[in-house]
Protein backbone atom coordinates (compact mmCIF):
# COMPACT_ATOMS: atom_id res chain seq x y z
CA MET A 1 71.67 -241.25 31.75
CA ASN A 2 69.05 -240.29 34.32
CA PRO A 3 68.03 -236.66 33.65
CA GLU A 4 66.47 -236.35 37.10
CA SER A 5 69.66 -237.31 38.95
CA THR A 6 72.14 -235.53 36.69
CA LYS A 7 70.05 -232.34 36.39
CA GLN A 8 71.24 -231.87 32.83
CA LYS A 9 71.56 -228.18 31.90
CA TYR A 10 70.10 -226.86 28.67
CA LYS A 11 70.50 -223.51 26.94
CA VAL A 12 66.89 -222.29 26.83
CA ILE A 13 64.91 -225.19 28.31
CA TYR A 14 64.83 -225.05 32.11
CA GLU A 15 63.40 -226.79 35.16
CA PRO A 16 60.64 -224.69 36.78
CA THR A 17 60.60 -224.28 40.55
CA GLY A 18 57.92 -223.56 43.13
CA ALA A 19 54.29 -223.51 42.03
CA ALA A 20 55.26 -223.69 38.35
CA ARG A 21 56.80 -227.11 39.00
CA GLU A 22 53.27 -228.41 39.60
CA TYR A 23 52.59 -227.79 35.91
CA ALA A 24 55.71 -229.08 34.21
CA GLU A 25 59.14 -230.59 34.81
CA LEU A 26 60.61 -228.62 31.91
CA ALA A 27 59.62 -225.34 30.26
CA LEU A 28 60.60 -223.10 27.38
CA ASN A 29 59.77 -219.40 27.01
CA LEU A 30 59.89 -218.36 23.36
CA PHE A 31 59.29 -214.63 23.77
CA GLU A 32 60.10 -211.72 26.06
CA GLY A 33 56.99 -209.78 27.03
CA CYS A 34 53.32 -210.54 26.49
CA THR A 35 50.71 -208.25 24.96
CA HIS A 36 47.69 -209.95 26.56
CA GLY A 37 47.88 -207.43 29.42
CA CYS A 38 46.39 -209.65 32.16
CA THR A 39 45.91 -207.49 35.22
CA TYR A 40 46.93 -210.26 37.62
CA CYS A 41 50.00 -211.39 35.63
CA TYR A 42 52.88 -212.58 37.83
CA ALA A 43 55.50 -212.55 35.05
CA PRO A 44 56.65 -208.88 35.22
CA ARG A 45 57.40 -209.14 38.93
CA CYS A 46 58.98 -212.57 38.51
CA MET A 47 61.24 -211.25 35.75
CA ARG A 48 61.85 -207.88 37.44
CA LYS A 49 60.31 -206.00 34.52
CA ASN A 50 58.20 -202.85 34.43
CA ARG A 51 54.60 -204.07 34.12
CA ASP A 52 53.54 -201.53 31.47
CA LEU A 53 56.62 -202.16 29.32
CA PHE A 54 56.26 -205.94 29.69
CA HIS A 55 52.70 -205.81 28.33
CA ALA A 56 53.35 -203.14 25.69
CA ALA A 57 55.08 -205.48 23.23
CA TYR A 58 56.74 -208.84 22.81
CA ARG A 59 60.12 -209.75 21.36
CA VAL A 60 61.11 -213.09 19.90
CA ARG A 61 64.02 -214.33 21.97
CA PRO A 62 67.22 -214.13 19.91
CA ASN A 63 67.96 -217.29 17.90
CA ILE A 64 65.28 -219.14 19.87
CA ILE A 65 64.37 -221.69 17.19
CA ALA A 66 67.97 -222.84 16.72
CA LEU A 67 68.67 -222.87 20.46
CA ALA A 68 65.50 -224.84 21.19
CA HIS A 69 66.44 -227.34 18.48
CA GLU A 70 69.88 -227.79 20.04
CA ASP A 71 68.27 -228.45 23.41
CA PHE A 72 65.82 -230.95 21.93
CA GLN A 73 68.73 -232.76 20.26
CA ARG A 74 70.60 -232.80 23.57
CA MET A 75 67.52 -234.14 25.35
CA ALA A 76 67.19 -236.94 22.80
CA ALA A 77 70.88 -237.82 23.12
CA ASN A 78 70.57 -237.91 26.91
CA GLY A 79 67.43 -240.04 26.88
CA ASP A 80 65.53 -237.18 28.54
CA THR A 81 61.87 -237.84 27.74
CA ARG A 82 60.33 -235.18 29.95
CA ARG A 83 57.58 -233.06 28.40
CA VAL A 84 58.48 -229.42 27.68
CA LEU A 85 55.83 -226.76 28.37
CA MET A 86 55.52 -223.59 26.27
CA CYS A 87 55.20 -221.05 27.83
CA PHE A 88 55.16 -219.78 31.44
CA THR A 89 56.19 -216.10 31.14
CA CYS A 90 54.70 -215.37 27.72
CA ASP A 91 52.12 -216.78 25.32
CA PRO A 92 52.87 -218.90 22.25
CA PHE A 93 49.96 -217.35 20.31
CA GLN A 94 50.05 -213.57 20.67
CA SER A 95 50.19 -212.91 16.93
CA ILE A 96 50.73 -214.62 13.59
CA GLU A 97 54.47 -214.10 14.06
CA THR A 98 54.53 -215.80 17.45
CA ALA A 99 52.37 -218.63 16.11
CA ARG A 100 54.87 -219.25 13.30
CA VAL A 101 57.79 -219.28 15.73
CA THR A 102 55.88 -221.68 17.99
CA SER A 103 55.07 -223.87 14.99
CA ALA A 104 58.73 -224.01 13.99
CA VAL A 105 59.78 -225.00 17.52
CA ILE A 106 57.12 -227.74 17.62
CA ASP A 107 58.51 -229.06 14.32
CA CYS A 108 61.99 -229.15 15.90
CA ALA A 109 60.65 -231.06 18.89
CA ALA A 110 58.93 -233.54 16.58
CA ARG A 111 62.14 -234.23 14.67
CA CYS A 112 63.87 -235.06 17.96
CA GLY A 113 60.99 -237.06 19.41
CA ILE A 114 60.48 -234.68 22.36
CA PRO A 115 56.94 -234.38 23.79
CA VAL A 116 55.65 -230.85 24.28
CA SER A 117 52.79 -229.12 26.03
CA ILE A 118 51.23 -225.79 25.07
CA LEU A 119 49.46 -223.33 27.35
CA THR A 120 47.72 -220.32 25.81
CA LYS A 121 45.21 -217.52 26.20
CA GLY A 122 45.61 -216.63 22.55
CA THR A 123 43.09 -216.37 19.74
CA PHE A 124 41.75 -219.29 17.76
CA ARG A 125 42.99 -217.72 14.50
CA HIS A 126 46.58 -217.54 15.74
CA PHE A 127 46.40 -221.05 17.18
CA CYS A 128 45.22 -222.43 13.83
CA GLU A 129 48.45 -221.19 12.24
CA ALA A 130 50.31 -223.85 14.26
CA LEU A 131 47.65 -226.59 14.26
CA PRO A 132 49.18 -228.52 11.31
CA SER A 133 52.51 -228.76 13.15
CA ILE A 134 50.76 -229.70 16.38
CA ALA A 135 48.77 -232.46 14.70
CA LYS A 136 51.81 -233.75 12.80
CA HIS A 137 54.00 -233.94 15.91
CA GLY A 138 52.02 -236.83 17.38
CA ASN A 139 52.61 -236.12 21.08
CA VAL A 140 51.39 -232.66 22.04
CA HIS A 141 49.22 -231.58 24.95
CA VAL A 142 47.15 -228.49 24.04
CA GLY A 143 46.04 -226.43 27.02
CA VAL A 144 44.18 -223.19 27.53
CA SER A 145 44.18 -221.00 30.61
CA LEU A 146 40.52 -220.25 31.23
CA VAL A 147 38.67 -219.28 34.42
CA TRP A 148 35.83 -217.24 32.90
CA ILE A 149 32.62 -218.04 31.07
CA ASN A 150 31.53 -214.40 30.79
CA ASP A 151 33.61 -212.60 28.18
CA GLU A 152 32.99 -209.18 29.73
CA THR A 153 34.76 -210.39 32.87
CA ARG A 154 37.53 -211.86 30.72
CA ALA A 155 37.95 -208.49 28.96
CA PHE A 156 38.30 -206.72 32.31
CA TYR A 157 41.03 -209.01 33.64
CA GLU A 158 42.64 -210.10 30.35
CA PRO A 159 41.97 -207.18 27.99
CA ASN A 160 44.06 -208.23 24.97
CA ALA A 161 43.87 -212.02 25.27
CA GLY A 162 41.72 -214.38 23.23
CA THR A 163 38.03 -214.43 24.04
CA VAL A 164 36.30 -217.16 26.01
CA ILE A 165 34.95 -218.51 22.71
CA ASP A 166 38.46 -218.47 21.19
CA ARG A 167 39.76 -220.72 23.94
CA ILE A 168 36.79 -223.04 23.86
CA ARG A 169 37.29 -223.41 20.09
CA ILE A 170 40.99 -224.23 20.62
CA ILE A 171 40.03 -227.12 22.88
CA GLN A 172 37.23 -228.27 20.58
CA ALA A 173 39.47 -228.19 17.50
CA SER A 174 42.21 -230.16 19.25
CA HIS A 175 40.06 -232.77 20.95
CA GLY A 176 39.94 -236.06 19.10
CA ILE A 177 42.97 -235.39 16.86
CA ALA A 178 45.32 -238.37 17.15
CA GLY A 179 48.31 -237.63 19.37
CA ILE A 180 46.78 -234.57 21.05
CA LYS A 181 45.62 -234.43 24.64
CA THR A 182 43.67 -231.38 25.77
CA TRP A 183 43.89 -229.73 29.16
CA VAL A 184 42.64 -226.67 30.99
CA SER A 185 44.56 -224.56 33.47
CA LEU A 186 41.68 -223.47 35.70
CA GLU A 187 43.92 -220.90 37.33
CA PRO A 188 43.91 -218.34 38.78
CA VAL A 189 40.36 -218.89 40.01
CA ILE A 190 39.02 -215.51 41.08
CA GLU A 191 35.27 -215.96 40.71
CA PRO A 192 34.40 -219.58 41.63
CA ALA A 193 31.01 -219.61 39.91
CA GLN A 194 32.60 -218.82 36.56
CA ALA A 195 35.30 -221.44 37.04
CA LEU A 196 32.63 -224.05 37.74
CA ALA A 197 30.83 -222.98 34.57
CA VAL A 198 34.02 -223.63 32.57
CA ILE A 199 34.03 -227.21 33.85
CA ALA A 200 30.41 -227.62 32.78
CA ALA A 201 31.11 -226.18 29.33
CA LEU A 202 34.24 -228.19 28.49
CA HIS A 203 34.14 -231.43 30.46
CA LYS A 204 33.49 -233.55 27.34
CA GLN A 205 36.50 -232.21 25.41
CA VAL A 206 39.17 -231.99 28.14
CA ASP A 207 41.54 -234.82 29.02
CA TYR A 208 42.84 -233.33 32.26
CA TRP A 209 42.51 -230.29 34.52
CA LYS A 210 44.91 -228.31 36.73
CA ILE A 211 43.17 -226.06 39.25
CA GLY A 212 44.57 -223.27 41.41
CA LYS A 213 43.33 -220.16 43.17
CA ILE A 214 44.53 -216.59 42.86
CA ASN A 215 47.49 -216.15 45.21
CA HIS A 216 49.73 -213.28 44.24
CA VAL A 217 47.19 -210.39 44.20
CA ALA A 218 45.95 -209.94 47.74
CA ALA A 219 42.74 -208.08 46.89
CA LEU A 220 41.50 -210.70 44.41
CA GLY A 221 39.76 -213.72 45.82
CA LYS A 222 39.48 -212.09 49.21
CA GLY A 223 36.51 -213.48 51.10
CA VAL A 224 36.11 -216.53 48.83
CA ASP A 225 35.23 -219.72 50.68
CA TRP A 226 37.88 -221.88 49.04
CA ALA A 227 36.86 -225.04 50.88
CA ARG A 228 33.38 -224.64 49.44
CA PHE A 229 34.79 -224.05 45.96
CA VAL A 230 36.86 -227.25 46.11
CA ALA A 231 33.80 -229.20 47.31
CA LEU A 232 31.65 -227.74 44.51
CA ALA A 233 34.34 -228.39 41.91
CA ASN A 234 34.61 -232.03 42.97
CA SER A 235 30.84 -232.30 42.92
CA THR A 236 30.70 -230.81 39.41
CA PHE A 237 33.36 -233.18 38.12
CA SER A 238 31.53 -236.10 39.70
CA ARG A 239 28.23 -235.04 38.16
CA PHE A 240 29.80 -235.13 34.69
CA ASP A 241 31.65 -238.42 35.37
CA VAL A 242 35.07 -236.79 34.93
CA PRO A 243 37.69 -239.34 36.09
CA TYR A 244 39.25 -238.42 39.42
CA THR A 245 42.69 -239.22 38.02
CA SER A 246 42.35 -236.41 35.44
CA ILE A 247 41.90 -233.69 38.10
CA THR A 248 44.81 -232.00 39.89
CA PHE A 249 44.29 -229.36 42.55
CA LYS A 250 47.43 -227.32 43.03
CA LYS A 251 49.07 -227.04 46.44
CA SER A 252 47.16 -223.84 47.22
CA LEU A 253 43.89 -225.80 47.16
CA LYS A 254 44.97 -229.30 48.21
CA LYS A 255 44.56 -228.45 51.90
CA TYR A 256 40.82 -228.12 51.30
CA LEU A 257 40.39 -231.61 49.88
């Protein structure tokens, strides 16, 4: 069975569309709401939720572990080997509770032989709760969303998320563990100089990069010379001998290549 041609439907795993499709063919959101409180977050509008209520608390989606396991089993039965990303509209490491749910879902994926990818702005402590499951799985991509090197700027835009050091430590702890590939979502770039500094700080521990500019908040990024940023980013990658094949500029920046 060809999952691409049949467009197999799953209960909680879905096929992203639009810009999200540039990150993953399949995705799974484990929670409703996200307490990180990022000021530029697109999720409340996307999900037609009140922004303040969305960021006030999270809720574990009902029966999510069992439903995810059913979907992984169905994927395995269908020969669907696409990687599943967690998460787009929430974070897998908002608390110890969310980390334990995420860990349980990773264990389910491992039992079914389904590759997964993680994207987080969470704390290192919460991430470590799931690290044994991640390492045991054998085919996990661990990614952090990070566009800042100055933690004061991070605190302004992402007040309740993990610190810059938290996210650097997540990458450092994951890099070199068998079966784990590390990646950075360098998006949404708002201050190009800080994004370039992230490349300089992490280029030795990151297997691949996905880069995109701020799009959905008109005031942010206004006046940035994006063509210059793309040129400087490519120059920075080249200076550190980062393979060209490990760098993906999203559609919003590809026109400047």
